[in-house]
Amino acid sequence: MKNCDTDIMQYLDGMQVTSHEILDKVENLYNNFDYNTFTKADVKNALSKDVLSISDYAALLSPAADEFLEQMAIRAKQETFKHFGNSVGLYTPLYIANYCENHCVYCGFNCMNKIHRAVLSEQEIDDELKAIANQGFKEILLLTGESRKKSSVEYIGKAITIAKKYFATIGIEIYPLNSDEYAYLNKLGADYVSVYQETYNRQKYAEQHLIGSKRVFPYRFNAQERALQGGMRGVCFGALLGLDDWRKDAFAVGCHAYLLQKKYPHAEISFSCPRMRPFINNSENNPKDVHERQLLQVILAYRIFMPFASINISTREQQSFRDGVVGMACNKISAGSKTGVGGHNGNEKGDEQFDISDPRDLVQINQMLESKGLQPVYTDSQYLI
């Protein structure tokens, strides 16, 4: 197990070592991104283009873009409608375990936090998934803490097999895997993988990830590429905004996704935009200087830079903010979220990862979307065999 005395670039035994080609490019762009050098003219020039360069994207994240948020919102809404129409995808998460071997100082699941730990049995997973499917969901996101011992690849595979009975689309948000392990889960029915780098600042990353395999910076960075090599249809990117300089981290997220898309043109790319949230034993865990205006700027920049990418807005955010960005820039939204282990079947078995801000269920989210003239979409795929 990695600890705070070890080099974050050093792989652990059993970790697949892949090319650092994209990592090197992203870090070079990140290190050279000085957002204070961009002007209003740069922002206007970026918004005048049909296809943006990385430099144009950087301009949209700069302080100079702050007074252009209305123009950015108009452009983002045009791009969203062009690529997604008025449809908005719906899903809900199911945490099947909250055991974790990492000490990430910002996370409620970290191994040093004294919380009620739990792992669902196969029968409990089936009961939870059946309850979720009965609500009308067709897409599920399965999550665990980062513990191979308590949530093995085989255990996750069994959960995917059960989920396939009820759902057309299955996503996973678990610890990073090798490409052959992703291939195994893909064969069982998993469609996409979400992995968040948290921060692209190496020094900050080392300070925030003190113990565990998550401390290995390049292994986490290359998780999306290994997932695509393993046959996954889509991959999701994100940074935990507020952990470090939000402009630089959001810039790195976009560059990471953009470069991987160029290398794997068939990949379905998506973004999530999580901000820090309070959790059990740490009610002061907040996103610092990332307020809703700053979060909006990030979301709009993602949409304009990569207009075909899916953008999710989670229940970390307040109801009013979610209602405002869905259809404008976000084309996917969660409903009825629980961040503890289980809970969809009426009995939460383990403590939450973080506090949610929007507790609305599927019916309420569906009504909100329809009131805005948007079309709720429960799945965009179907198994043919």
Protein backbone atom coordinates (compact mmCIF):
# COMPACT_ATOMS: atom_id res chain seq x y z
CA MET A 1 0.00 0.00 0.00
CA LYS A 2 1.26 3.48 -0.89
CA ASN A 3 1.82 5.95 1.93
CA CYS A 4 2.73 9.61 2.14
CA ASP A 5 6.47 8.89 2.03
CA THR A 6 6.39 7.31 -1.43
CA ASP A 7 6.65 8.86 -4.90
CA ILE A 8 3.19 9.36 -6.42
CA MET A 9 4.60 8.43 -9.86
CA GLN A 10 5.72 4.98 -8.70
CA TYR A 11 3.42 2.12 -9.75
CA LEU A 12 2.46 -0.66 -7.37
CA ASP A 13 2.83 -4.35 -8.19
CA GLY A 14 0.03 -5.55 -10.44
CA MET A 15 -0.72 -2.13 -11.89
CA GLN A 16 -0.69 -2.01 -15.68
CA VAL A 17 1.88 0.51 -16.91
CA THR A 18 0.66 2.36 -19.99
CA SER A 19 2.05 5.16 -22.12
CA HIS A 20 2.40 8.58 -20.51
CA GLU A 21 1.93 10.29 -23.86
CA ILE A 22 -1.34 12.01 -22.98
CA LEU A 23 -0.30 12.58 -19.36
CA ASP A 24 2.83 14.43 -20.48
CA LYS A 25 0.83 16.59 -22.90
CA VAL A 26 -1.83 17.47 -20.33
CA GLU A 27 0.72 18.33 -17.67
CA ASN A 28 2.62 20.52 -20.12
CA LEU A 29 -0.58 22.37 -21.02
CA TYR A 30 -1.56 22.62 -17.35
CA ASN A 31 1.81 24.00 -16.26
CA ASN A 32 1.81 26.60 -19.03
CA PHE A 33 -1.77 27.76 -18.56
CA ASP A 34 -1.64 31.33 -17.27
CA TYR A 35 -5.27 32.39 -17.31
CA ASN A 36 -4.43 36.00 -16.43
CA THR A 37 -2.85 36.55 -19.86
CA PHE A 38 -6.16 36.22 -21.73
CA THR A 39 -8.10 39.32 -22.77
CA LYS A 40 -11.69 40.14 -23.63
CA ALA A 41 -10.64 40.04 -27.28
CA ASP A 42 -9.46 36.45 -26.82
CA VAL A 43 -12.84 35.48 -25.37
CA LYS A 44 -14.75 37.18 -28.20
CA ASN A 45 -12.51 35.47 -30.74
CA ALA A 46 -13.15 32.06 -29.14
CA LEU A 47 -16.93 32.58 -29.18
CA SER A 48 -16.83 33.58 -32.85
CA LYS A 49 -15.44 30.19 -33.90
CA ASP A 50 -17.40 27.11 -34.88
CA VAL A 51 -14.65 24.80 -33.59
CA LEU A 52 -12.47 25.85 -30.67
CA SER A 53 -8.78 25.20 -30.14
CA ILE A 54 -7.27 24.38 -26.75
CA SER A 55 -6.19 28.01 -26.51
CA ASP A 56 -9.77 29.15 -27.17
CA TYR A 57 -10.96 26.82 -24.43
CA ALA A 58 -8.42 28.33 -22.06
CA ALA A 59 -9.79 31.79 -22.82
CA LEU A 60 -13.30 30.69 -21.82
CA LEU A 61 -11.98 29.63 -18.41
CA SER A 62 -10.08 32.86 -17.82
CA PRO A 63 -11.16 35.79 -15.61
CA ALA A 64 -11.65 37.78 -18.82
CA ALA A 65 -14.60 35.51 -19.69
CA ASP A 66 -16.54 36.36 -16.54
CA GLU A 67 -18.51 39.20 -18.15
CA PHE A 68 -19.32 37.00 -21.16
CA LEU A 69 -21.25 34.32 -19.26
CA GLU A 70 -24.54 35.34 -20.87
CA GLN A 71 -23.06 35.00 -24.37
CA MET A 72 -21.45 31.72 -23.35
CA ALA A 73 -24.80 30.47 -22.06
CA ILE A 74 -26.50 31.32 -25.37
CA ARG A 75 -23.77 29.54 -27.33
CA ALA A 76 -23.86 26.55 -24.97
CA LYS A 77 -27.63 26.19 -25.31
CA GLN A 78 -27.32 26.27 -29.10
CA GLU A 79 -24.66 23.55 -29.01
CA THR A 80 -26.64 21.43 -26.56
CA PHE A 81 -29.75 21.56 -28.73
CA LYS A 82 -27.73 20.88 -31.88
CA HIS A 83 -26.23 17.68 -30.48
CA PHE A 84 -28.88 16.47 -28.01
CA GLY A 85 -32.11 18.21 -28.98
CA ASN A 86 -34.38 18.71 -26.00
CA SER A 87 -33.59 15.29 -24.50
CA VAL A 88 -32.12 14.86 -21.03
CA GLY A 89 -30.83 11.52 -19.75
CA LEU A 90 -31.90 10.24 -16.33
CA TYR A 91 -30.09 7.86 -13.99
CA THR A 92 -29.53 7.14 -10.32
CA PRO A 93 -26.49 5.89 -8.38
CA LEU A 94 -26.36 2.78 -6.20
CA TYR A 95 -23.52 2.47 -3.72
CA ILE A 96 -22.96 -1.23 -3.09
CA ALA A 97 -20.03 -0.80 -0.65
CA ASN A 98 -18.22 1.99 1.21
CA TYR A 99 -15.06 0.26 2.41
CA CYS A 100 -11.96 2.15 1.28
CA GLU A 101 -8.21 1.64 1.58
CA ASN A 102 -7.29 5.22 0.65
CA HIS A 103 -6.81 8.21 2.89
CA CYS A 104 -8.12 11.06 0.76
CA VAL A 105 -8.54 13.95 3.16
CA TYR A 106 -11.60 15.43 1.40
CA CYS A 107 -13.70 12.23 1.17
CA GLY A 108 -16.20 10.78 3.62
CA PHE A 109 -15.19 7.22 2.70
CA ASN A 110 -11.49 7.72 3.54
CA CYS A 111 -10.06 4.87 5.59
CA MET A 112 -9.32 7.12 8.57
CA ASN A 113 -12.90 8.37 8.91
CA LYS A 114 -14.92 6.60 11.59
CA ILE A 115 -18.14 5.74 9.78
CA HIS A 116 -20.46 2.76 9.52
CA ARG A 117 -18.99 0.56 6.79
CA ALA A 118 -21.02 -1.93 4.79
CA VAL A 119 -21.08 -4.07 1.68
CA LEU A 120 -24.27 -5.34 0.08
CA SER A 121 -24.81 -9.05 -0.44
CA GLU A 122 -25.86 -10.31 -3.86
CA GLN A 123 -29.45 -10.62 -2.64
CA GLU A 124 -29.37 -7.09 -1.24
CA ILE A 125 -27.99 -5.80 -4.54
CA ASP A 126 -30.81 -7.52 -6.39
CA ASP A 127 -33.40 -6.08 -4.01
CA GLU A 128 -31.97 -2.56 -4.40
CA LEU A 129 -31.77 -2.77 -8.19
CA LYS A 130 -35.27 -4.16 -8.47
CA ALA A 131 -36.61 -1.30 -6.32
CA ILE A 132 -34.80 1.24 -8.50
CA ALA A 133 -36.06 -0.36 -11.73
CA ASN A 134 -39.61 -0.35 -10.38
CA GLN A 135 -39.36 3.45 -10.10
CA GLY A 136 -38.83 3.59 -13.87
CA PHE A 137 -35.06 3.98 -14.19
CA LYS A 138 -33.33 2.28 -17.13
CA GLU A 139 -29.79 3.48 -16.37
CA ILE A 140 -27.84 2.70 -13.21
CA LEU A 141 -24.47 3.83 -11.90
CA LEU A 142 -22.84 1.28 -9.56
CA LEU A 143 -20.37 2.68 -7.03
CA THR A 144 -18.03 1.32 -4.37
CA GLY A 145 -15.36 2.62 -2.07
CA GLU A 146 -11.83 1.91 -3.29
CA SER A 147 -11.10 -1.43 -1.66
CA ARG A 148 -10.14 -4.43 -3.76
CA LYS A 149 -10.32 -6.60 -0.64
CA LYS A 150 -13.91 -5.71 0.27
CA SER A 151 -15.18 -4.98 -3.27
CA SER A 152 -13.28 -7.32 -5.57
CA VAL A 153 -13.51 -7.19 -9.35
CA GLU A 154 -15.44 -10.45 -9.19
CA TYR A 155 -17.91 -8.97 -6.67
CA ILE A 156 -18.45 -5.93 -8.89
CA GLY A 157 -18.89 -8.29 -11.84
CA LYS A 158 -21.67 -10.11 -9.99
CA ALA A 159 -23.39 -6.77 -9.32
CA ILE A 160 -23.18 -5.91 -13.03
CA THR A 161 -24.65 -9.30 -13.95
CA ILE A 162 -27.58 -8.65 -11.61
CA ALA A 163 -28.01 -5.10 -12.94
CA LYS A 164 -28.21 -6.38 -16.50
CA LYS A 165 -31.53 -8.06 -15.62
CA TYR A 166 -33.09 -4.66 -14.95
CA PHE A 167 -31.17 -1.94 -16.81
CA ALA A 168 -30.30 -1.05 -20.39
CA THR A 169 -27.26 1.05 -19.44
CA ILE A 170 -24.80 0.27 -16.64
CA GLY A 171 -22.05 2.60 -15.50
CA ILE A 172 -19.40 1.95 -12.87
CA GLU A 173 -17.58 4.35 -10.57
CA ILE A 174 -15.05 2.21 -8.73
CA TYR A 175 -11.28 2.07 -8.18
CA PRO A 176 -9.17 2.13 -11.39
CA LEU A 177 -8.52 -1.23 -13.06
CA ASN A 178 -6.21 -2.78 -15.62
CA SER A 179 -7.51 -3.04 -19.18
CA ASP A 180 -8.14 -6.80 -18.94
CA GLU A 181 -10.26 -6.23 -15.83
CA TYR A 182 -12.26 -3.54 -17.62
CA ALA A 183 -12.72 -6.00 -20.50
CA TYR A 184 -14.06 -8.59 -18.05
CA LEU A 185 -16.63 -6.13 -16.62
CA ASN A 186 -17.55 -4.87 -20.08
CA LYS A 187 -18.27 -8.45 -21.21
CA LEU A 188 -20.61 -8.83 -18.23
CA GLY A 189 -22.57 -5.73 -19.22
CA ALA A 190 -20.83 -2.54 -18.04
CA ASP A 191 -21.07 0.27 -20.59
CA TYR A 192 -19.09 3.20 -19.23
CA VAL A 193 -16.56 4.14 -16.56
CA SER A 194 -16.33 7.28 -14.42
CA VAL A 195 -12.97 8.21 -12.91
CA TYR A 196 -12.13 11.60 -11.45
CA GLN A 197 -8.55 12.77 -11.18
CA GLU A 198 -9.61 15.13 -8.35
CA THR A 199 -6.70 17.54 -9.09
CA TYR A 200 -4.07 17.64 -11.82
CA ASN A 201 -1.61 19.48 -9.60
CA ARG A 202 0.95 16.83 -8.67
CA GLN A 203 1.99 18.48 -5.42
CA LYS A 204 -1.59 19.03 -4.30
CA TYR A 205 -2.47 15.49 -5.35
CA ALA A 206 0.29 14.12 -3.10
CA GLU A 207 -0.87 16.29 -0.19
CA GLN A 208 -4.48 15.11 -0.51
CA HIS A 209 -3.90 11.38 -1.10
CA LEU A 210 -1.85 10.17 1.83
CA ILE A 211 -2.40 6.41 1.88
CA GLY A 212 -3.55 3.80 -0.62
CA SER A 213 -3.34 2.91 -4.29
CA LYS A 214 -5.09 6.13 -5.26
CA ARG A 215 -1.82 7.89 -4.42
CA VAL A 216 -0.41 6.56 -7.71
CA PHE A 217 -1.04 9.60 -9.91
CA PRO A 218 -0.37 8.15 -13.42
CA TYR A 219 -2.33 4.95 -12.82
CA ARG A 220 -5.42 6.97 -12.01
CA PHE A 221 -4.80 9.40 -14.87
CA ASN A 222 -4.69 6.62 -17.46
CA ALA A 223 -7.78 4.78 -16.16
CA GLN A 224 -10.07 6.09 -18.92
CA GLU A 225 -7.66 4.97 -21.61
CA ARG A 226 -7.40 1.48 -20.11
CA ALA A 227 -11.22 1.36 -19.91
CA LEU A 228 -11.48 2.13 -23.63
CA GLN A 229 -8.80 -0.45 -24.37
CA GLY A 230 -10.98 -2.91 -22.44
CA GLY A 231 -13.94 -2.20 -24.72
CA MET A 232 -15.97 0.25 -22.67
CA ARG A 233 -18.29 2.40 -24.76
CA GLY A 234 -17.83 5.58 -22.78
CA VAL A 235 -15.69 7.28 -20.16
CA CYS A 236 -16.38 10.20 -17.82
CA PHE A 237 -13.88 12.84 -16.65
CA GLY A 238 -13.88 15.31 -13.80
CA ALA A 239 -11.91 17.15 -11.14
CA LEU A 240 -13.10 17.88 -7.62
CA LEU A 241 -13.54 21.61 -8.00
CA GLY A 242 -12.34 23.53 -4.98
CA LEU A 243 -9.56 21.13 -4.10
CA ASP A 244 -7.05 23.34 -5.91
CA ASP A 245 -7.10 26.12 -8.53
CA TRP A 246 -10.45 25.45 -10.22
CA ARG A 247 -9.54 27.17 -13.50
CA LYS A 248 -6.40 25.06 -13.98
CA ASP A 249 -8.08 21.82 -12.96
CA ALA A 250 -11.06 22.42 -15.26
CA PHE A 251 -8.64 23.27 -18.06
CA ALA A 252 -6.74 20.02 -17.49
CA VAL A 253 -9.98 18.00 -17.45
CA GLY A 254 -10.97 19.40 -20.85
CA CYS A 255 -7.51 18.82 -22.32
CA HIS A 256 -7.43 15.26 -20.96
CA ALA A 257 -10.81 14.43 -22.52
CA TYR A 258 -9.99 16.20 -25.78
CA LEU A 259 -6.69 14.39 -26.31
CA LEU A 260 -8.17 10.99 -25.45
CA GLN A 261 -11.04 11.63 -27.87
CA LYS A 262 -8.53 12.36 -30.63
CA LYS A 263 -6.76 9.07 -29.90
CA TYR A 264 -10.00 7.07 -29.60
CA PRO A 265 -12.53 8.81 -31.91
CA HIS A 266 -15.22 6.18 -31.23
CA ALA A 267 -15.27 6.86 -27.49
CA GLU A 268 -18.31 8.50 -25.89
CA ILE A 269 -16.93 11.28 -23.73
CA SER A 270 -18.71 12.80 -20.76
CA PHE A 271 -17.97 15.30 -18.01
CA SER A 272 -19.06 15.56 -14.41
CA CYS A 273 -18.51 18.74 -12.42
CA PRO A 274 -18.37 17.83 -8.72
CA ARG A 275 -17.61 20.44 -6.08
CA MET A 276 -16.39 19.58 -2.60
CA ARG A 277 -19.18 18.72 -0.18
CA PRO A 278 -19.44 18.27 3.60
CA PHE A 279 -19.35 14.70 4.91
CA ILE A 280 -19.69 12.86 8.22
CA ASN A 281 -17.13 14.20 10.74
CA ASN A 282 -16.22 17.10 8.41
CA SER A 283 -19.02 19.61 8.04
CA GLU A 284 -16.54 22.32 6.96
CA ASN A 285 -15.56 20.55 3.73
CA ASN A 286 -16.62 23.19 1.19
CA PRO A 287 -15.57 24.29 -2.32
CA LYS A 288 -13.84 27.48 -1.14
CA ASP A 289 -13.75 29.95 -4.05
CA VAL A 290 -15.84 27.83 -6.46
CA HIS A 291 -19.27 29.41 -6.21
CA GLU A 292 -22.18 28.81 -8.57
CA ARG A 293 -20.99 31.48 -10.99
CA GLN A 294 -17.60 29.81 -11.28
CA LEU A 295 -19.16 26.37 -11.64
CA LEU A 296 -21.40 27.72 -14.39
CA GLN A 297 -18.37 29.07 -16.25
CA VAL A 298 -16.75 25.63 -16.15
CA ILE A 299 -19.88 23.87 -17.40
CA LEU A 300 -20.40 26.35 -20.24
CA ALA A 301 -16.74 26.08 -21.27
CA TYR A 302 -16.98 22.27 -21.37
CA ARG A 303 -20.05 22.44 -23.61
CA ILE A 304 -18.63 24.98 -26.06
CA PHE A 305 -15.22 23.27 -26.31
CA MET A 306 -16.56 19.71 -26.73
CA PRO A 307 -20.19 20.20 -27.82
CA PHE A 308 -20.82 16.50 -28.48
CA ALA A 309 -19.76 15.40 -24.98
CA SER A 310 -22.36 14.53 -22.37
CA ILE A 311 -22.38 16.74 -19.26
CA ASN A 312 -23.92 15.53 -16.02
CA ILE A 313 -25.15 17.70 -13.16
CA SER A 314 -25.30 15.77 -9.90
CA THR A 315 -27.23 16.12 -6.65
CA ARG A 316 -24.21 17.76 -5.05
CA GLU A 317 -25.75 20.98 -6.41
CA GLN A 318 -28.80 22.92 -5.28
CA GLN A 319 -32.15 22.36 -6.97
CA SER A 320 -32.27 25.86 -8.49
CA PHE A 321 -28.83 25.54 -10.05
CA ARG A 322 -29.56 22.09 -11.49
CA ASP A 323 -32.83 23.32 -12.95
CA GLY A 324 -31.03 26.26 -14.54
CA VAL A 325 -28.21 24.39 -16.28
CA VAL A 326 -30.12 21.33 -17.46
CA GLY A 327 -31.06 21.81 -21.09
CA MET A 328 -28.78 24.84 -21.32
CA ALA A 329 -25.49 22.98 -21.05
CA CYS A 330 -26.15 19.76 -19.13
CA ASN A 331 -27.90 16.91 -20.88
CA LYS A 332 -27.88 14.40 -18.06
CA ILE A 333 -29.22 14.57 -14.52
CA SER A 334 -29.49 12.21 -11.57
CA ALA A 335 -32.61 11.69 -9.50
CA GLY A 336 -33.47 9.99 -6.23
CA SER A 337 -29.80 9.87 -5.29
CA LYS A 338 -28.49 8.11 -2.18
CA THR A 339 -24.79 8.33 -1.27
CA GLY A 340 -24.90 5.74 1.50
CA VAL A 341 -24.74 2.00 0.90
CA GLY A 342 -28.15 0.88 -0.34
CA GLY A 343 -31.13 2.99 0.72
CA HIS A 344 -33.23 2.74 -2.44
CA ASN A 345 -35.11 -0.18 -0.92
CA GLY A 346 -35.89 1.78 2.23
CA ASN A 347 -32.96 0.66 4.40
CA GLU A 348 -29.57 2.34 4.14
CA LYS A 349 -26.91 -0.11 5.29
CA GLY A 350 -23.80 2.08 5.39
CA ASP A 351 -22.95 5.76 5.86
CA GLU A 352 -22.89 8.39 3.10
CA GLN A 353 -19.89 9.53 1.06
CA PHE A 354 -21.10 13.15 1.15
CA ASP A 355 -24.22 15.21 1.76
CA ILE A 356 -26.49 15.76 -1.24
CA SER A 357 -28.25 19.05 -1.97
CA ASP A 358 -31.16 17.98 -4.18
CA PRO A 359 -33.26 15.11 -2.75
CA ARG A 360 -35.95 15.07 -5.46
CA ASP A 361 -37.08 11.70 -6.74
CA LEU A 362 -37.57 10.55 -10.33
CA VAL A 363 -41.18 11.78 -10.57
CA GLN A 364 -40.23 15.27 -9.39
CA ILE A 365 -37.22 15.52 -11.72
CA ASN A 366 -39.35 14.24 -14.59
CA GLN A 367 -41.98 16.92 -13.88
CA MET A 368 -39.32 19.63 -13.75
CA LEU A 369 -37.89 18.60 -17.12
CA GLU A 370 -41.29 18.50 -18.78
CA SER A 371 -42.18 21.92 -17.35
CA LYS A 372 -39.09 23.29 -19.13
CA GLY A 373 -40.10 21.69 -22.44
CA LEU A 374 -37.42 19.02 -22.12
CA GLN A 375 -37.84 15.34 -22.88
CA PRO A 376 -36.79 12.89 -20.13
CA VAL A 377 -34.85 9.99 -21.64
CA TYR A 378 -34.51 6.83 -19.60
CA THR A 379 -32.04 5.08 -21.89
CA ASP A 380 -30.28 5.76 -25.16
CA SER A 381 -29.17 2.19 -25.80
CA GLN A 382 -30.59 -1.31 -25.95
CA TYR A 383 -28.99 -4.76 -25.87
CA LEU A 384 -29.51 -6.57 -29.18
CA ILE A 385 -28.55 -10.02 -27.91
